C-alpha atoms as a PDB file:
ATOM      1  CA  MET A   1      25.401 -25.797  35.220  1.00  0.00           C
ATOM      2  CA  THR A   2      22.299 -26.488  33.622  1.00  0.00           C
ATOM      3  CA  ASP A   3      18.904 -24.606  33.760  1.00  0.00           C
ATOM      4  CA  THR A   4      17.189 -28.236  33.862  1.00  0.00           C
ATOM      5  CA  VAL A   5      16.023 -30.315  36.662  1.00  0.00           C
ATOM      6  CA  ALA A   6      14.681 -33.292  37.387  1.00  0.00           C
ATOM      7  CA  GLY A   7      12.444 -34.364  34.455  1.00  0.00           C
ATOM      8  CA  ASN A   8      13.525 -31.830  31.875  1.00  0.00           C
ATOM      9  CA  GLU A   9      11.657 -29.044  33.006  1.00  0.00           C
ATOM     10  CA  ASP A  10      12.824 -25.341  33.544  1.00  0.00           C
ATOM     11  CA  PRO A  11      11.963 -23.459  36.197  1.00  0.00           C
ATOM     12  CA  ARG A  12      11.588 -20.376  34.544  1.00  0.00           C
ATOM     13  CA  TYR A  13       8.303 -21.728  32.886  1.00  0.00           C
ATOM     14  CA  ALA A  14       7.244 -23.703  35.984  1.00  0.00           C
ATOM     15  CA  ASN A  15       4.003 -21.725  36.102  1.00  0.00           C
ATOM     16  CA  VAL A  16       2.927 -21.443  32.644  1.00  0.00           C
ATOM     17  CA  SER A  17       0.039 -23.558  31.211  1.00  0.00           C
ATOM     18  CA  PRO A  18      -0.060 -25.429  28.156  1.00  0.00           C
ATOM     19  CA  SER A  19      -3.163 -23.179  27.087  1.00  0.00           C
ATOM     20  CA  ASP A  20      -1.048 -20.313  27.870  1.00  0.00           C
ATOM     21  CA  ILE A  21       1.694 -21.261  25.403  1.00  0.00           C
ATOM     22  CA  SER A  22      -0.805 -22.321  22.750  1.00  0.00           C
ATOM     23  CA  PHE A  23      -2.317 -19.082  22.917  1.00  0.00           C
ATOM     24  CA  ARG A  24       1.213 -17.227  22.553  1.00  0.00           C
ATOM     25  CA  MET A  25       2.010 -19.449  19.565  1.00  0.00           C
ATOM     26  CA  GLU A  26      -1.109 -18.779  18.102  1.00  0.00           C
ATOM     27  CA  ASN A  27      -0.399 -14.870  18.518  1.00  0.00           C
ATOM     28  CA  VAL A  28       3.181 -15.176  17.107  1.00  0.00           C
ATOM     29  CA  ARG A  29       1.596 -17.531  14.668  1.00  0.00           C
ATOM     30  CA  ARG A  30      -0.908 -14.274  13.225  1.00  0.00           C
ATOM     31  CA  LEU A  31       1.613 -11.629  13.762  1.00  0.00           C
ATOM     32  CA  ARG A  32       4.084 -14.067  11.251  1.00  0.00           C
ATOM     33  CA  ASP A  33       1.213 -13.654   8.510  1.00  0.00           C
ATOM     34  CA  ILE A  34       0.463 -10.683   8.997  1.00  0.00           C
ATOM     35  CA  SER A  35       4.128  -9.855   8.639  1.00  0.00           C
ATOM     36  CA  TYR A  36       4.130 -11.945   5.137  1.00  0.00           C
ATOM     37  CA  ALA A  37       1.195 -10.038   3.745  1.00  0.00           C
ATOM     38  CA  THR A  38       2.502  -6.792   4.676  1.00  0.00           C
ATOM     39  CA  THR A  39       5.458  -7.637   2.464  1.00  0.00           C
ATOM     40  CA  PHE A  40       3.381  -8.868   0.199  1.00  0.00           C
ATOM     41  CA  LEU A  41       1.275  -5.709  -0.648  1.00  0.00           C
ATOM     42  CA  PHE A  42       5.126  -3.278   0.064  1.00  0.00           C
ATOM     43  CA  TYR A  43       6.594  -5.851  -3.071  1.00  0.00           C
ATOM     44  CA  LEU A  44       3.704  -5.723  -4.729  1.00  0.00           C
ATOM     45  CA  LEU A  45       2.996  -1.942  -4.996  1.00  0.00           C
ATOM     46  CA  ASN A  46       7.360  -1.556  -5.747  1.00  0.00           C
ATOM     47  CA  ILE A  47       6.188  -3.512  -8.992  1.00  0.00           C
ATOM     48  CA  VAL A  48       3.386  -1.079 -10.016  1.00  0.00           C
ATOM     49  CA  GLU A  49       5.309   1.844  -9.142  1.00  0.00           C
ATOM     50  CA  ALA A  50       7.883   0.939 -11.164  1.00  0.00           C
ATOM     51  CA  SER A  51       5.765  -0.307 -14.168  1.00  0.00           C
ATOM     52  CA  VAL A  52       4.336   3.449 -13.867  1.00  0.00           C
ATOM     53  CA  GLY A  53       7.695   4.758 -13.535  1.00  0.00           C
ATOM     54  CA  ALA A  54       8.603   2.544 -17.191  1.00  0.00           C
ATOM     55  CA  HIS A  55       5.328   4.091 -18.792  1.00  0.00           C
ATOM     56  CA  LEU A  56       6.149   7.285 -18.078  1.00  0.00           C
ATOM     57  CA  PHE A  57       9.836   7.250 -18.817  1.00  0.00           C
ATOM     58  CA  TYR A  58       9.186   8.970 -22.360  1.00  0.00           C
ATOM     59  CA  PHE A  59       6.118  11.567 -21.230  1.00  0.00           C
ATOM     60  CA  ASP A  60       6.974  14.695 -22.061  1.00  0.00           C
ATOM     61  CA  VAL A  61       6.821  17.319 -19.457  1.00  0.00           C
ATOM     62  CA  SER A  62       8.258  20.370 -21.568  1.00  0.00           C
ATOM     63  CA  GLU A  63       6.972  24.200 -20.731  1.00  0.00           C
ATOM     64  CA  ASP A  64       4.126  23.989 -23.643  1.00  0.00           C
ATOM     65  CA  ILE A  65       1.881  22.339 -22.043  1.00  0.00           C
ATOM     66  CA  SER A  66      -0.890  24.454 -20.873  1.00  0.00           C
ATOM     67  CA  LEU A  67      -4.625  24.794 -20.320  1.00  0.00           C
ATOM     68  CA  ASN A  68      -6.576  27.732 -21.689  1.00  0.00           C
ATOM     69  CA  ILE A  69     -10.125  27.975 -20.254  1.00  0.00           C
ATOM     70  CA  GLN A  70     -12.554  30.755 -21.974  1.00  0.00           C
ATOM     71  CA  PRO A  71     -16.203  31.586 -21.791  1.00  0.00           C
ATOM     72  CA  TYR A  72     -18.229  29.942 -24.411  1.00  0.00           C
ATOM     73  CA  GLN A  73     -21.849  30.625 -25.958  1.00  0.00           C
ATOM     74  CA  HIS A  74     -23.493  28.115 -28.324  1.00  0.00           C
ATOM     75  CA  PRO A  75     -24.461  29.933 -31.635  1.00  0.00           C
ATOM     76  CA  SER A  76     -28.292  28.713 -30.952  1.00  0.00           C
ATOM     77  CA  THR A  77     -32.029  29.839 -31.186  1.00  0.00           C
ATOM     78  CA  GLN A  78     -31.998  29.833 -27.335  1.00  0.00           C
ATOM     79  CA  PRO A  79     -28.179  30.903 -26.090  1.00  0.00           C
ATOM     80  CA  ALA A  80     -26.320  28.442 -23.577  1.00  0.00           C
ATOM     81  CA  TYR A  81     -23.706  29.568 -21.753  1.00  0.00           C
ATOM     82  CA  GLY A  82     -20.533  27.171 -20.429  1.00  0.00           C
ATOM     83  CA  LEU A  83     -16.363  26.611 -20.539  1.00  0.00           C
ATOM     84  CA  ARG A  84     -14.186  25.653 -22.909  1.00  0.00           C
ATOM     85  CA  LEU A  85     -11.169  23.651 -22.094  1.00  0.00           C
ATOM     86  CA  SER A  86      -8.298  23.560 -24.445  1.00  0.00           C
ATOM     87  CA  LEU A  87      -5.534  21.692 -23.337  1.00  0.00           C
ATOM     88  CA  ASN A  88      -2.134  21.824 -25.413  1.00  0.00           C
ATOM     89  CA  PHE A  89       0.810  19.343 -24.985  1.00  0.00           C
END
């Protein structure tokens, strides 16, 4: 038993217009293009993450890293106050 009738038309699609088929084909193409772009962006993000990870492989993360914040007064005729930041690593 076949699903075709005389004239090679499938009865399941007898009520579908050519413009509807065209619309659906364009929608599938648009979704395909979005899928390609998303896949490319994830692949590019993976490359960037791997490069950053390789660059920071030998980065020192010991306990000697510290940030000291101290008040500061500039020695001048008119005093200026601020903060002194000291980063030790």
